[in-house]
Protein backbone atom coordinates (compact mmCIF):
# COMPACT_ATOMS: atom_id res chain seq x y z
CA MET A 1 -11.40 -127.10 -60.21
CA ARG A 2 -11.66 -126.01 -56.58
CA LEU A 3 -8.21 -125.83 -55.02
CA ARG A 4 -7.58 -127.12 -51.55
CA THR A 5 -4.48 -126.96 -49.40
CA GLU A 6 -3.06 -129.24 -46.73
CA THR A 7 -2.13 -127.25 -43.66
CA LEU A 8 0.31 -129.91 -42.45
CA VAL A 9 2.90 -128.85 -45.02
CA SER A 10 4.88 -125.71 -44.24
CA PRO A 11 4.76 -122.94 -46.86
CA VAL A 12 8.54 -122.64 -46.44
CA HIS A 13 8.76 -125.85 -48.45
CA ALA A 14 7.87 -123.77 -51.51
CA ALA A 15 11.23 -122.01 -51.41
CA MET A 16 13.36 -124.98 -52.44
CA ALA A 17 16.78 -123.81 -53.58
CA VAL A 18 18.24 -125.68 -56.53
CA LYS A 19 21.81 -126.78 -55.94
CA ASN A 20 24.01 -128.77 -58.34
CA LEU A 21 21.07 -130.20 -60.32
CA ARG A 22 19.70 -128.93 -63.61
CA MET A 23 16.05 -127.97 -63.53
CA PRO A 24 14.02 -129.71 -66.26
CA THR A 25 12.59 -127.63 -69.08
CA ASP A 26 9.65 -129.95 -69.68
CA ASN A 27 7.97 -133.12 -68.49
CA LEU A 28 10.13 -135.93 -69.81
CA LEU A 29 7.33 -138.46 -70.23
CA LEU A 30 5.29 -136.00 -72.29
CA ALA A 31 8.38 -135.07 -74.30
CA ALA A 32 8.86 -138.76 -75.18
CA LEU A 33 5.51 -138.93 -76.99
CA PRO A 34 5.26 -138.48 -80.76
CA ALA A 35 5.42 -134.78 -81.62
CA ALA A 36 1.94 -134.67 -83.20
CA ALA A 37 0.35 -136.33 -80.16
CA ARG A 38 2.14 -133.98 -77.82
CA ARG A 39 0.85 -130.97 -79.77
CA ARG A 40 -2.72 -132.29 -79.56
CA LEU A 41 -2.43 -132.83 -75.81
CA THR A 42 -0.94 -129.41 -75.06
CA ALA A 43 -2.60 -127.33 -77.80
CA ASN A 44 -3.82 -123.91 -76.64
CA ARG A 45 -2.59 -124.61 -73.13
CA VAL A 46 0.11 -123.18 -70.92
CA PRO A 47 1.59 -124.92 -67.87
CA VAL A 48 -0.24 -124.33 -64.60
CA ASN A 49 1.46 -123.47 -61.31
CA LEU A 50 1.19 -126.07 -58.56
CA ALA A 51 1.27 -124.71 -54.98
CA ILE A 52 2.64 -126.47 -51.92
CA GLY A 53 -0.10 -128.43 -50.15
CA GLU A 54 -2.54 -128.19 -53.06
CA ILE A 55 -4.76 -131.25 -53.27
CA LEU A 56 -5.11 -132.32 -56.90
CA SER A 57 -7.36 -135.29 -56.22
CA GLU A 58 -8.93 -137.24 -53.38
CA ALA A 59 -9.46 -140.98 -53.21
CA GLY A 60 -12.79 -141.87 -54.75
CA GLU A 61 -13.07 -138.69 -56.79
CA ARG A 62 -13.49 -138.68 -60.54
CA ILE A 63 -10.30 -137.87 -62.42
CA ARG A 64 -10.98 -134.73 -64.46
CA HIS A 65 -7.40 -133.71 -65.27
CA VAL A 66 -4.05 -135.38 -65.83
CA TYR A 67 -0.92 -133.62 -64.61
CA PHE A 68 2.54 -133.86 -66.16
CA PRO A 69 4.88 -132.05 -63.69
CA ILE A 70 7.76 -130.01 -65.06
CA GLU A 71 9.52 -128.72 -61.94
CA GLY A 72 7.13 -129.59 -59.14
CA PHE A 73 6.36 -133.01 -57.70
CA ILE A 74 3.38 -134.72 -56.15
CA SER A 75 2.92 -137.11 -53.19
CA LEU A 76 0.51 -140.02 -53.57
CA ILE A 77 -1.05 -140.82 -50.21
CA THR A 78 -3.27 -143.66 -49.09
CA PRO A 79 -6.87 -142.72 -48.21
CA ALA A 80 -6.92 -142.67 -44.39
CA GLN A 81 -7.06 -140.23 -41.52
CA GLY A 82 -4.27 -139.00 -39.25
CA ARG A 83 -1.49 -141.53 -38.74
CA GLY A 84 -3.23 -144.02 -40.97
CA GLN A 85 -1.99 -142.08 -43.99
CA LEU A 86 1.09 -143.25 -45.85
CA GLU A 87 2.93 -141.90 -48.87
CA ILE A 88 3.36 -144.72 -51.37
CA GLY A 89 4.63 -142.84 -54.41
CA LEU A 90 6.08 -139.64 -55.84
CA VAL A 91 5.43 -138.14 -59.27
CA GLY A 92 7.86 -135.65 -60.75
CA CYS A 93 9.02 -134.60 -64.21
CA GLU A 94 9.54 -138.27 -65.06
CA GLY A 95 5.85 -139.17 -64.90
CA MET A 96 2.19 -138.25 -64.71
CA LEU A 97 -0.68 -138.06 -62.25
CA GLY A 98 -3.74 -139.89 -63.55
CA VAL A 99 -2.50 -143.39 -64.42
CA PRO A 100 -5.89 -145.07 -63.70
CA LEU A 101 -7.06 -143.57 -67.02
CA LEU A 102 -4.55 -145.82 -68.78
CA LEU A 103 -6.54 -148.76 -67.42
CA GLY A 104 -9.88 -147.31 -68.49
CA VAL A 105 -10.78 -146.19 -64.95
CA ASP A 106 -11.64 -142.55 -64.21
CA VAL A 107 -11.64 -142.69 -60.39
CA SER A 108 -8.63 -141.88 -58.25
CA PRO A 109 -7.64 -144.52 -55.66
CA LEU A 110 -5.25 -142.16 -53.81
CA ARG A 111 -4.93 -138.65 -52.50
CA ALA A 112 -2.58 -136.51 -54.58
CA MET A 113 -0.90 -133.62 -52.78
CA VAL A 114 1.64 -131.18 -54.20
CA GLN A 115 4.84 -131.55 -52.20
CA GLY A 116 7.16 -129.46 -54.38
CA ALA A 117 5.95 -126.27 -56.05
CA GLY A 118 6.40 -125.76 -59.77
CA ARG A 119 4.77 -125.81 -63.18
CA ALA A 120 2.92 -128.72 -64.75
CA TRP A 121 1.00 -129.45 -67.91
CA ARG A 122 -2.67 -130.07 -67.13
CA VAL A 123 -4.59 -132.05 -69.72
CA ASP A 124 -8.33 -132.79 -69.67
CA ALA A 125 -8.99 -136.44 -68.93
CA ALA A 126 -11.26 -136.68 -71.96
CA THR A 127 -8.50 -135.34 -74.24
CA LEU A 128 -6.04 -137.94 -73.00
CA GLN A 129 -8.59 -140.74 -73.36
CA GLN A 130 -9.27 -139.72 -76.95
CA GLU A 131 -5.55 -139.78 -77.71
CA LEU A 132 -5.14 -143.19 -76.06
CA ALA A 133 -7.99 -144.60 -78.15
CA ALA A 134 -6.61 -143.22 -81.42
CA ASN A 135 -2.84 -143.58 -81.06
CA VAL A 136 -1.08 -146.90 -80.42
CA ALA A 137 2.29 -145.19 -79.95
CA VAL A 138 0.90 -143.04 -77.14
CA ARG A 139 -0.69 -146.05 -75.44
CA THR A 140 2.56 -148.00 -75.68
CA SER A 141 4.68 -145.21 -74.28
CA LEU A 142 2.36 -144.39 -71.39
CA ASN A 143 1.81 -148.06 -70.59
CA ARG A 144 5.55 -148.43 -70.07
CA TYR A 145 5.31 -145.69 -67.46
CA LEU A 146 2.29 -147.44 -65.93
CA TYR A 147 4.41 -150.56 -65.45
CA VAL A 148 7.19 -148.52 -63.83
CA PHE A 149 4.67 -146.72 -61.61
CA LEU A 150 3.14 -150.00 -60.40
CA ALA A 151 6.61 -151.42 -59.78
CA GLN A 152 7.40 -148.41 -57.60
CA LEU A 153 4.23 -148.92 -55.56
CA MET A 154 5.06 -152.59 -54.99
CA GLN A 155 8.64 -151.77 -54.04
CA THR A 156 7.39 -149.17 -51.55
CA ALA A 157 5.09 -151.74 -49.94
CA THR A 158 8.05 -154.10 -49.48
CA CYS A 159 10.21 -151.28 -48.16
CA THR A 160 7.61 -150.19 -45.62
CA ARG A 161 7.17 -153.72 -44.27
CA PHE A 162 10.75 -154.97 -44.08
CA HIS A 163 13.30 -152.16 -43.96
CA LEU A 164 14.64 -150.06 -41.08
CA ILE A 165 13.48 -146.46 -40.70
CA GLU A 166 16.97 -145.03 -41.27
CA ALA A 167 17.34 -146.80 -44.63
CA ARG A 168 13.80 -145.86 -45.64
CA LEU A 169 14.42 -142.22 -44.74
CA ALA A 170 17.60 -142.19 -46.82
CA ARG A 171 15.66 -143.62 -49.78
CA TRP A 172 12.89 -141.03 -49.37
CA LEU A 173 15.40 -138.16 -49.25
CA LEU A 174 17.07 -139.41 -52.44
CA MET A 175 13.74 -139.81 -54.24
CA THR A 176 12.72 -136.31 -53.17
CA ARG A 177 16.08 -134.90 -54.26
CA ASP A 178 15.73 -136.46 -57.72
CA ARG A 179 12.33 -134.82 -58.19
CA ALA A 180 13.06 -131.52 -56.43
CA HIS A 181 16.28 -131.16 -58.47
CA SER A 182 17.88 -129.78 -55.33
CA ASN A 183 20.10 -130.87 -52.47
CA GLN A 184 18.14 -128.63 -50.12
CA PHE A 185 14.49 -128.70 -49.17
CA HIS A 186 12.23 -128.09 -46.18
CA VAL A 187 10.26 -130.83 -44.47
CA THR A 188 9.24 -131.25 -40.83
CA HIS A 189 9.63 -134.37 -38.67
CA GLU A 190 5.84 -134.49 -38.40
CA PHE A 191 5.47 -134.61 -42.18
CA LEU A 192 8.23 -137.22 -42.55
CA ALA A 193 6.56 -139.39 -39.92
CA LEU A 194 3.30 -139.20 -41.83
CA MET A 195 4.92 -140.00 -45.15
CA LEU A 196 6.92 -142.95 -43.76
CA GLY A 197 4.10 -144.25 -41.57
CA VAL A 198 6.12 -144.19 -38.34
CA ARG A 199 6.13 -142.29 -35.05
CA ARG A 200 7.83 -138.92 -34.95
CA VAL A 201 10.44 -140.17 -32.48
CA GLY A 202 11.51 -142.78 -35.02
CA VAL A 203 12.08 -140.12 -37.68
CA THR A 204 14.02 -137.97 -35.20
CA SER A 205 16.30 -140.89 -34.35
CA ALA A 206 16.85 -141.80 -38.00
CA ALA A 207 17.54 -138.21 -39.07
CA SER A 208 19.98 -137.77 -36.18
CA ALA A 209 21.83 -140.92 -37.22
CA LEU A 210 22.20 -139.69 -40.80
CA GLN A 211 23.37 -136.33 -39.52
CA ARG A 212 25.99 -137.89 -37.23
CA ARG A 213 27.37 -139.69 -40.28
CA GLN A 214 27.57 -136.28 -41.99
CA LEU A 215 25.29 -137.40 -44.81
CA ILE A 216 22.73 -134.66 -44.18
CA ARG A 217 22.34 -131.46 -42.21
CA TYR A 218 18.99 -130.96 -40.53
CA ARG A 219 17.91 -127.82 -38.68
CA ARG A 220 14.35 -126.76 -37.96
CA GLY A 221 12.98 -128.62 -40.96
CA ASP A 222 15.65 -127.47 -43.41
CA ILE A 223 17.43 -130.49 -44.88
CA SER A 224 20.68 -130.30 -46.83
CA ILE A 225 22.08 -133.43 -48.44
CA LEU A 226 25.84 -133.25 -47.89
CA ASP A 227 26.98 -136.62 -49.23
CA VAL A 228 24.79 -138.08 -51.97
CA ARG A 229 26.96 -141.17 -52.49
CA GLY A 230 27.03 -141.86 -48.78
CA LEU A 231 23.26 -141.39 -48.51
CA GLU A 232 22.79 -143.83 -51.36
CA ARG A 233 24.85 -146.40 -49.46
CA ALA A 234 22.76 -145.77 -46.36
CA ALA A 235 19.48 -146.28 -48.27
CA CYS A 236 17.91 -149.67 -48.69
CA ALA A 237 18.25 -151.49 -52.01
CA CYS A 238 14.79 -150.25 -53.03
CA TYR A 239 16.21 -146.95 -54.32
CA GLU A 240 18.58 -148.70 -56.71
CA ILE A 241 15.86 -151.17 -57.76
CA ASP A 242 13.56 -148.28 -58.66
CA LYS A 243 16.24 -146.70 -60.86
CA GLN A 244 16.97 -150.01 -62.58
CA VAL A 245 13.29 -150.46 -63.43
CA TYR A 246 13.16 -146.97 -64.95
CA SER A 247 16.26 -147.70 -67.00
CA ARG A 248 15.19 -151.14 -68.17
CA ILE A 249 11.61 -150.29 -69.14
CA LEU A 250 11.58 -146.65 -70.21
CA SER A 251 14.70 -146.93 -72.37
CA ARG A 252 13.08 -149.64 -74.52
CA LYS A 253 11.31 -149.10 -77.80
CA ASN A 254 8.75 -151.51 -79.23
CA GLY A 255 9.59 -154.02 -76.51
CA GLN A 256 13.30 -154.22 -77.39
CA PRO A 257 16.32 -152.52 -75.83
CA GLY A 258 16.55 -149.02 -77.26
CA THR A 259 19.33 -148.35 -79.77
CA VAL A 260 18.42 -144.73 -80.50
CA PRO A 261 18.69 -141.96 -77.88
CA THR A 262 14.95 -141.20 -77.85
CA ALA A 263 13.36 -138.88 -75.32
CA ALA A 264 12.30 -141.94 -73.31
CA ALA A 265 15.90 -143.14 -73.18
CA LEU A 266 17.02 -139.67 -72.09
CA LEU A 267 14.38 -139.80 -69.37
CA ALA A 268 15.77 -143.03 -68.01
CA THR A 269 19.33 -141.73 -68.24
CA GLN A 270 18.48 -138.58 -66.27
CA ILE A 271 16.83 -140.57 -63.46
CA VAL A 272 19.57 -143.20 -63.26
CA HIS A 273 22.40 -140.69 -63.28
CA SER A 274 20.76 -137.84 -61.40
CA ILE A 275 23.06 -138.23 -58.42
CA ALA A 276 26.04 -137.47 -60.62
CA CYS A 277 24.69 -134.13 -61.86
């Protein structure tokens, strides 16, 4: 696959320092699949390295590979130019890039750009489709994630329309923290404005407000989260709703509340309690 990079994102973003959070050792969604299915999906493969700004797919392109991030994470961006672009989702170690395949569609509706560098499992689309056709357990597990993914997209649409920039910024920082597994990362005001779909002056005002409350420290694009609990209180309810959906859906087995600590349940637990790590 030809690799492309997005010049808007600073290469400094690649040097995220991990603070207070444990880095994952594998993709949790992939780890929740039956062992035999996982071996078939990852057989004779090693994780690939995702680089900051790398474009994994464009809207309208055929999906040739599915990505299961381990450390890195991916922004899902609406297909538009300039300020018409908007980030509507993030994919980290809790999920996968390529969910249209679960619906029998092999065309990407969104642009997928690597926002956090790291390793990921890359699986041929045809291999995943074969496994989906042959294995009910795999379809069931991945369809639960599909539901959670769609719920996140709908929640983001509501958040973008109705909530104040400061609360939306706090939510975005928390979501990024959960997937970067770090309290520190690099992101410019220009990039934040693009991701949130607002003017740069609005991001500057919101970031300054969070900094005055001593929730974050922001200097030349370097963000440090100082008070996670306080930032959670500053965020809109969408952040908590997202975590509740993960917990309620991904910790279930066969449609019923899970009673065994399966990998899926551990996935939900890690997401829900990530701020306590």
